Amino acid sequence: MGSSMKTSKPVSAILAALSLTAASAPLQAADAKNNIEFVWTIHVGGLALGTVGYKGGFGDDNYSAVSRLKTAGIVNSFYAAVIDATSTGFVRNGAIKPASYDSNYEGEKTKQRVALAYSGTGISLSADPMYDVARFPVSDADKQDTVDPLSGITQAVSGVTVSDAAPCGETIRIFDGRRRYNLEVEFVEQTELNSSNGGYSGPATLCNLRYKQVAGFKPNLNKGKELPPIQVWLAKFPAKAGGAVKEFAVPVKIYSDTPLGAAVANARNITVEGQKIGG
């Protein structure tokens, strides 16, 4: 992203999994009946890396979301960045179907704006500066049934793919305008999460998440090595009747070992249907 900072692959994978402090105003779905917001605080090796916020609203069959990633702490002394994103779409047949996505990145030396528009004929890309999509192309077949990064978070948080057979939900297939990757999830166990730092404590579903590159990447970027799984604890919160969401599934803790130390994201300021949850 035009930075002198070299982020380790596991840390990059966590940021991809989170993908994007909450934006100043929530973008609500038309006639939103289900609402949720929270902020992840991210630390690597005990040092603050930044925050990632999410706000989402869901109507009968639609959704809209807003998010912001912002670096913080010592990281800002050599790498300061903010990414704002918005997305809108539909919830149909137990799946998230994006309609539009807009992302705006501002770093110390570079800026990047990306917009995706979805239609029955495919996905149209607008970027400034424009991506060189010919160098490492993503085929139309690989783009099918994908979501943008923010809609990927929405798929996870909304719990629309969660079931008794898939307690962690289903694979999230992401295309960000240049790269195509999957976030594959695997159920581990039902457990109790006890936070000692003011985060969420209570029942949680422990899942393993794997970041898998599909297309649009430089060949042999990872030299054939598979990244270690990322552990994700999901806390389930019932939604109000009448909306597209039946039960929210909030990633209240995300953890991975990295060469720089443990990477940990904890959800704070969780508010579900207007009610603040502990942490």
Protein backbone atom coordinates (compact mmCIF):
# COMPACT_ATOMS: atom_id res chain seq x y z
CA MET A 1 0.00 0.00 0.00
CA GLY A 2 2.90 2.30 -0.76
CA SER A 3 4.53 1.94 2.66
CA SER A 4 8.05 1.39 3.91
CA MET A 5 6.70 -0.90 6.60
CA LYS A 6 7.00 -4.61 5.83
CA THR A 7 4.08 -6.37 7.49
CA SER A 8 4.47 -10.09 8.21
CA LYS A 9 2.25 -12.45 6.19
CA PRO A 10 0.19 -13.62 9.22
CA VAL A 11 -0.44 -10.01 10.25
CA SER A 12 -1.45 -9.19 6.68
CA ALA A 13 -3.80 -12.17 6.73
CA ILE A 14 -5.46 -10.93 9.92
CA LEU A 15 -5.93 -7.50 8.35
CA ALA A 16 -7.40 -9.20 5.29
CA ALA A 17 -9.68 -11.21 7.52
CA LEU A 18 -10.80 -8.07 9.31
CA SER A 19 -10.34 -6.35 6.00
CA LEU A 20 -10.83 -2.72 6.93
CA THR A 21 -12.25 3.33 14.82
CA ALA A 22 -15.80 3.10 13.43
CA ALA A 23 -16.79 5.77 10.96
CA SER A 24 -18.43 8.90 12.23
CA ALA A 25 -21.97 8.04 11.09
CA PRO A 26 -23.59 4.68 10.44
CA LEU A 27 -24.92 3.91 6.99
CA GLN A 28 -28.25 2.22 7.54
CA ALA A 29 -30.15 -0.15 5.29
CA ALA A 30 -33.52 1.09 4.12
CA ASP A 31 -35.99 0.49 6.96
CA ALA A 32 -33.25 -1.20 9.02
CA LYS A 33 -34.66 -3.62 11.56
CA ASN A 34 -31.40 -5.19 12.75
CA ASN A 35 -28.39 -3.08 13.75
CA ILE A 36 -24.93 -3.85 15.09
CA GLU A 37 -21.66 -2.04 15.69
CA PHE A 38 -18.31 -2.76 17.33
CA VAL A 39 -14.62 -1.81 17.23
CA TRP A 40 -11.68 -4.22 17.10
CA THR A 41 -8.50 -3.11 18.86
CA ILE A 42 -5.46 -4.78 17.28
CA HIS A 43 -2.14 -5.53 19.00
CA VAL A 44 0.92 -7.31 17.65
CA GLY A 45 3.68 -8.36 20.01
CA GLY A 46 1.98 -6.34 22.73
CA LEU A 47 2.12 -3.11 20.70
CA ALA A 48 -0.96 -1.29 19.44
CA LEU A 49 -1.32 -1.66 15.67
CA GLY A 50 -4.64 0.10 15.16
CA THR A 51 -8.40 -0.18 15.24
CA VAL A 52 -11.03 -1.54 12.90
CA GLY A 53 -14.66 -0.54 13.29
CA TYR A 54 -17.88 -1.85 11.79
CA LYS A 55 -21.48 -0.61 11.70
CA GLY A 56 -24.20 -2.47 9.85
CA GLY A 57 -27.93 -2.18 9.30
CA PHE A 58 -30.23 -4.85 7.88
CA GLY A 59 -33.74 -4.49 6.46
CA ASP A 60 -36.12 -7.22 5.32
CA ASP A 61 -33.79 -8.31 2.54
CA ASN A 62 -31.07 -5.67 2.29
CA TYR A 63 -28.04 -4.38 4.18
CA SER A 64 -25.61 -1.50 4.31
CA ALA A 65 -22.36 -1.17 6.23
CA VAL A 66 -19.58 1.28 6.97
CA SER A 67 -16.10 0.60 8.27
CA ARG A 68 -12.76 2.22 9.02
CA LEU A 69 -9.26 0.90 9.60
CA LYS A 70 -6.90 3.30 11.32
CA THR A 71 -3.33 2.71 12.44
CA ALA A 72 -2.37 3.76 15.96
CA GLY A 73 0.40 3.80 18.54
CA ILE A 74 4.05 3.43 17.61
CA VAL A 75 3.05 2.27 14.12
CA ASN A 76 2.00 5.82 13.29
CA SER A 77 5.60 7.00 13.71
CA PHE A 78 6.60 5.26 10.48
CA TYR A 79 3.35 4.11 8.85
CA ALA A 80 0.10 6.03 9.21
CA ALA A 81 -2.95 4.97 7.22
CA VAL A 82 -6.72 5.17 7.19
CA ILE A 83 -9.11 3.08 5.08
CA ASP A 84 -12.79 4.07 4.93
CA ALA A 85 -15.24 1.72 3.22
CA THR A 86 -18.96 1.43 2.57
CA SER A 87 -21.02 -1.37 1.04
CA THR A 88 -24.66 -2.05 0.24
CA GLY A 89 -26.48 -5.11 -0.99
CA PHE A 90 -29.11 -7.75 -0.39
CA VAL A 91 -29.65 -10.79 1.84
CA ARG A 92 -31.24 -13.48 -0.31
CA ASN A 93 -31.55 -17.23 0.09
CA GLY A 94 -29.24 -17.23 3.10
CA ALA A 95 -26.46 -15.38 1.29
CA ILE A 96 -24.98 -11.88 1.11
CA LYS A 97 -25.30 -10.36 -2.38
CA PRO A 98 -23.41 -7.05 -2.70
CA ALA A 99 -24.65 -4.23 -4.92
CA SER A 100 -21.95 -1.60 -4.41
CA TYR A 101 -18.65 -1.13 -2.62
CA ASP A 102 -16.47 1.94 -2.15
CA SER A 103 -13.08 2.06 -0.42
CA ASN A 104 -10.82 5.04 0.16
CA TYR A 105 -7.23 4.54 1.37
CA GLU A 106 -5.08 7.44 2.58
CA GLY A 107 -1.46 6.82 3.57
CA GLU A 108 1.42 9.17 4.20
CA LYS A 109 2.56 9.12 0.57
CA THR A 110 -0.19 7.43 -1.41
CA LYS A 111 -3.93 7.42 -1.89
CA GLN A 112 -6.17 4.79 -3.49
CA ARG A 113 -9.88 4.80 -4.20
CA VAL A 114 -11.68 1.65 -5.34
CA ALA A 115 -15.32 1.19 -6.29
CA LEU A 116 -17.08 -2.02 -7.32
CA ALA A 117 -20.56 -2.18 -8.86
CA TYR A 118 -22.41 -5.49 -9.14
CA SER A 119 -24.94 -6.39 -11.82
CA GLY A 120 -26.31 -9.41 -13.61
CA THR A 121 -23.51 -9.11 -16.17
CA GLY A 122 -20.66 -9.12 -13.66
CA ILE A 123 -18.55 -6.76 -11.53
CA SER A 124 -17.35 -3.39 -12.82
CA LEU A 125 -14.23 -1.82 -11.31
CA SER A 126 -13.36 1.83 -10.92
CA ALA A 127 -10.02 2.70 -9.29
CA ASP A 128 -7.93 5.85 -8.88
CA PRO A 129 -5.07 5.32 -9.56
CA MET A 130 -6.20 2.50 -11.83
CA TYR A 131 -5.02 -1.01 -10.99
CA ASP A 132 -2.85 -2.95 -13.44
CA VAL A 133 -5.31 -5.84 -13.58
CA ALA A 134 -3.62 -7.39 -16.63
CA ARG A 135 -0.39 -8.33 -14.85
CA PHE A 136 -1.99 -10.80 -12.43
CA PRO A 137 -5.51 -11.25 -13.83
CA VAL A 138 -8.59 -12.61 -12.11
CA SER A 139 -10.92 -14.50 -14.43
CA ASP A 140 -14.66 -13.88 -14.62
CA ALA A 141 -15.16 -17.43 -13.37
CA ASP A 142 -13.09 -16.68 -10.26
CA LYS A 143 -15.15 -13.53 -9.63
CA GLN A 144 -18.46 -15.40 -9.59
CA ASP A 145 -20.29 -15.57 -6.26
CA THR A 146 -17.78 -13.29 -4.55
CA VAL A 147 -18.26 -10.42 -2.12
CA ASP A 148 -16.23 -7.29 -1.45
CA PRO A 149 -14.09 -7.13 1.73
CA LEU A 150 -16.67 -5.21 3.79
CA SER A 151 -19.51 -7.46 2.64
CA GLY A 152 -17.25 -10.33 3.71
CA ILE A 153 -17.30 -8.97 7.25
CA THR A 154 -21.06 -8.54 6.89
CA GLN A 155 -21.46 -12.18 5.85
CA ALA A 156 -19.62 -13.29 8.99
CA VAL A 157 -21.29 -10.87 11.42
CA SER A 158 -24.83 -11.38 10.10
CA GLY A 159 -24.64 -15.12 10.73
CA VAL A 160 -26.71 -15.81 7.61
CA THR A 161 -24.56 -18.83 6.68
CA VAL A 162 -24.34 -20.18 10.24
CA SER A 163 -26.24 -23.41 10.90
CA ASP A 164 -26.11 -26.46 13.14
CA ALA A 165 -24.03 -28.16 10.44
CA ALA A 166 -21.77 -25.09 10.03
CA PRO A 167 -21.46 -23.34 13.44
CA CYS A 168 -18.76 -21.03 12.05
CA GLY A 169 -20.58 -20.24 8.82
CA GLU A 170 -19.35 -20.91 5.32
CA THR A 171 -16.27 -19.91 3.31
CA ILE A 172 -16.14 -16.19 2.49
CA ARG A 173 -15.15 -15.68 -1.17
CA ILE A 174 -13.65 -12.20 -1.56
CA PHE A 175 -12.70 -10.12 -4.61
CA ASP A 176 -11.38 -6.66 -3.71
CA GLY A 177 -11.02 -5.33 -7.26
CA ARG A 178 -7.53 -6.74 -7.76
CA ARG A 179 -7.07 -9.84 -5.63
CA ARG A 180 -9.23 -12.91 -5.17
CA TYR A 181 -8.97 -14.90 -1.93
CA ASN A 182 -10.99 -17.15 0.35
CA LEU A 183 -11.44 -17.04 4.11
CA GLU A 184 -12.13 -20.67 4.96
CA VAL A 185 -13.62 -21.47 8.37
CA GLU A 186 -13.58 -24.69 10.38
CA PHE A 187 -15.42 -25.44 13.62
CA VAL A 188 -13.23 -26.38 16.59
CA GLU A 189 -15.43 -26.37 19.70
CA GLN A 190 -18.00 -24.58 21.81
CA THR A 191 -16.17 -22.92 24.67
CA GLU A 192 -16.22 -20.20 27.30
CA LEU A 193 -14.18 -17.08 26.65
CA ASN A 194 -12.80 -15.30 29.70
CA SER A 195 -11.33 -11.88 29.01
CA SER A 196 -8.95 -10.35 31.52
CA ASN A 197 -8.66 -7.00 29.73
CA GLY A 198 -12.24 -5.79 29.62
CA GLY A 199 -13.25 -7.60 26.44
CA TYR A 200 -16.16 -9.97 25.97
CA SER A 201 -16.55 -12.86 28.42
CA GLY A 202 -19.10 -15.60 27.90
CA PRO A 203 -20.08 -18.50 25.63
CA ALA A 204 -18.26 -18.55 22.29
CA THR A 205 -17.76 -20.71 19.22
CA LEU A 206 -14.08 -21.32 18.50
CA CYS A 207 -13.22 -21.55 14.79
CA ASN A 208 -10.08 -21.87 12.72
CA LEU A 209 -9.82 -19.46 9.81
CA ARG A 210 -7.46 -19.96 6.86
CA TYR A 211 -6.52 -17.31 4.32
CA LYS A 212 -6.23 -18.87 0.84
CA GLN A 213 -5.02 -16.93 -2.20
CA VAL A 214 -6.93 -17.74 -5.39
CA ALA A 215 -5.89 -15.25 -8.10
CA GLY A 216 -4.50 -11.76 -8.67
CA PHE A 217 -1.34 -12.36 -6.63
CA LYS A 218 2.30 -12.45 -7.67
CA PRO A 219 3.22 -16.12 -8.27
CA ASN A 220 4.97 -17.84 -5.37
CA LEU A 221 4.27 -14.87 -3.11
CA ASN A 222 4.17 -17.21 -0.13
CA LYS A 223 6.80 -19.56 -1.65
CA GLY A 224 4.34 -22.44 -1.43
CA LYS A 225 3.95 -22.10 2.33
CA GLU A 226 0.48 -22.16 3.85
CA LEU A 227 -0.15 -19.54 6.49
CA PRO A 228 -0.96 -20.86 9.97
CA PRO A 229 -4.65 -20.89 10.91
CA ILE A 230 -6.12 -17.86 12.62
CA GLN A 231 -8.25 -18.58 15.68
CA VAL A 232 -11.59 -16.78 15.86
CA TRP A 233 -14.05 -16.77 18.76
CA LEU A 234 -17.64 -15.99 17.71
CA ALA A 235 -20.21 -14.75 20.21
CA LYS A 236 -23.84 -15.20 19.18
CA PHE A 237 -26.43 -12.49 19.91
CA PRO A 238 -30.13 -12.79 19.00
CA ALA A 239 -31.55 -10.20 16.61
CA LYS A 240 -34.97 -8.60 16.69
CA ALA A 241 -37.68 -10.36 14.75
CA GLY A 242 -38.65 -9.09 11.33
CA GLY A 243 -35.25 -8.39 9.79
CA ALA A 244 -32.88 -10.38 7.62
CA VAL A 245 -30.70 -11.38 10.60
CA LYS A 246 -31.84 -14.04 13.06
CA GLU A 247 -28.69 -14.21 15.19
CA PHE A 248 -25.53 -12.10 14.95
CA ALA A 249 -22.15 -13.89 15.11
CA VAL A 250 -19.57 -11.35 16.29
CA PRO A 251 -15.84 -12.23 16.08
CA VAL A 252 -15.12 -11.05 19.63
CA LYS A 253 -11.50 -12.28 19.60
CA ILE A 254 -9.08 -13.07 16.77
CA TYR A 255 -5.63 -14.55 17.42
CA SER A 256 -2.61 -15.68 15.40
CA ASP A 257 1.08 -16.33 16.06
CA THR A 258 3.37 -14.21 13.88
CA PRO A 259 7.15 -13.63 13.62
CA LEU A 260 6.51 -10.29 15.33
CA GLY A 261 4.68 -11.90 18.26
CA ALA A 262 1.07 -12.70 18.98
CA ALA A 263 -1.44 -10.78 16.84
CA VAL A 264 -4.68 -10.23 18.77
CA ALA A 265 -7.87 -8.36 17.91
CA ASN A 266 -10.50 -7.87 20.61
CA ALA A 267 -13.98 -6.51 19.97
CA ARG A 268 -14.97 -3.48 22.07
CA ASN A 269 -18.03 -1.30 22.32
CA ILE A 270 -20.29 -4.05 20.99
CA THR A 271 -23.80 -2.72 20.50
CA VAL A 272 -26.55 -5.04 19.27
CA GLU A 273 -30.00 -3.65 18.45
CA GLY A 274 -29.14 -0.53 20.46
CA GLN A 275 -28.05 -2.47 23.54
CA LYS A 276 -24.40 -2.32 24.60
CA ILE A 277 -22.78 -5.66 25.41
CA GLY A 278 -19.99 -5.97 28.00
CA GLY A 279 -16.53 -5.10 26.64
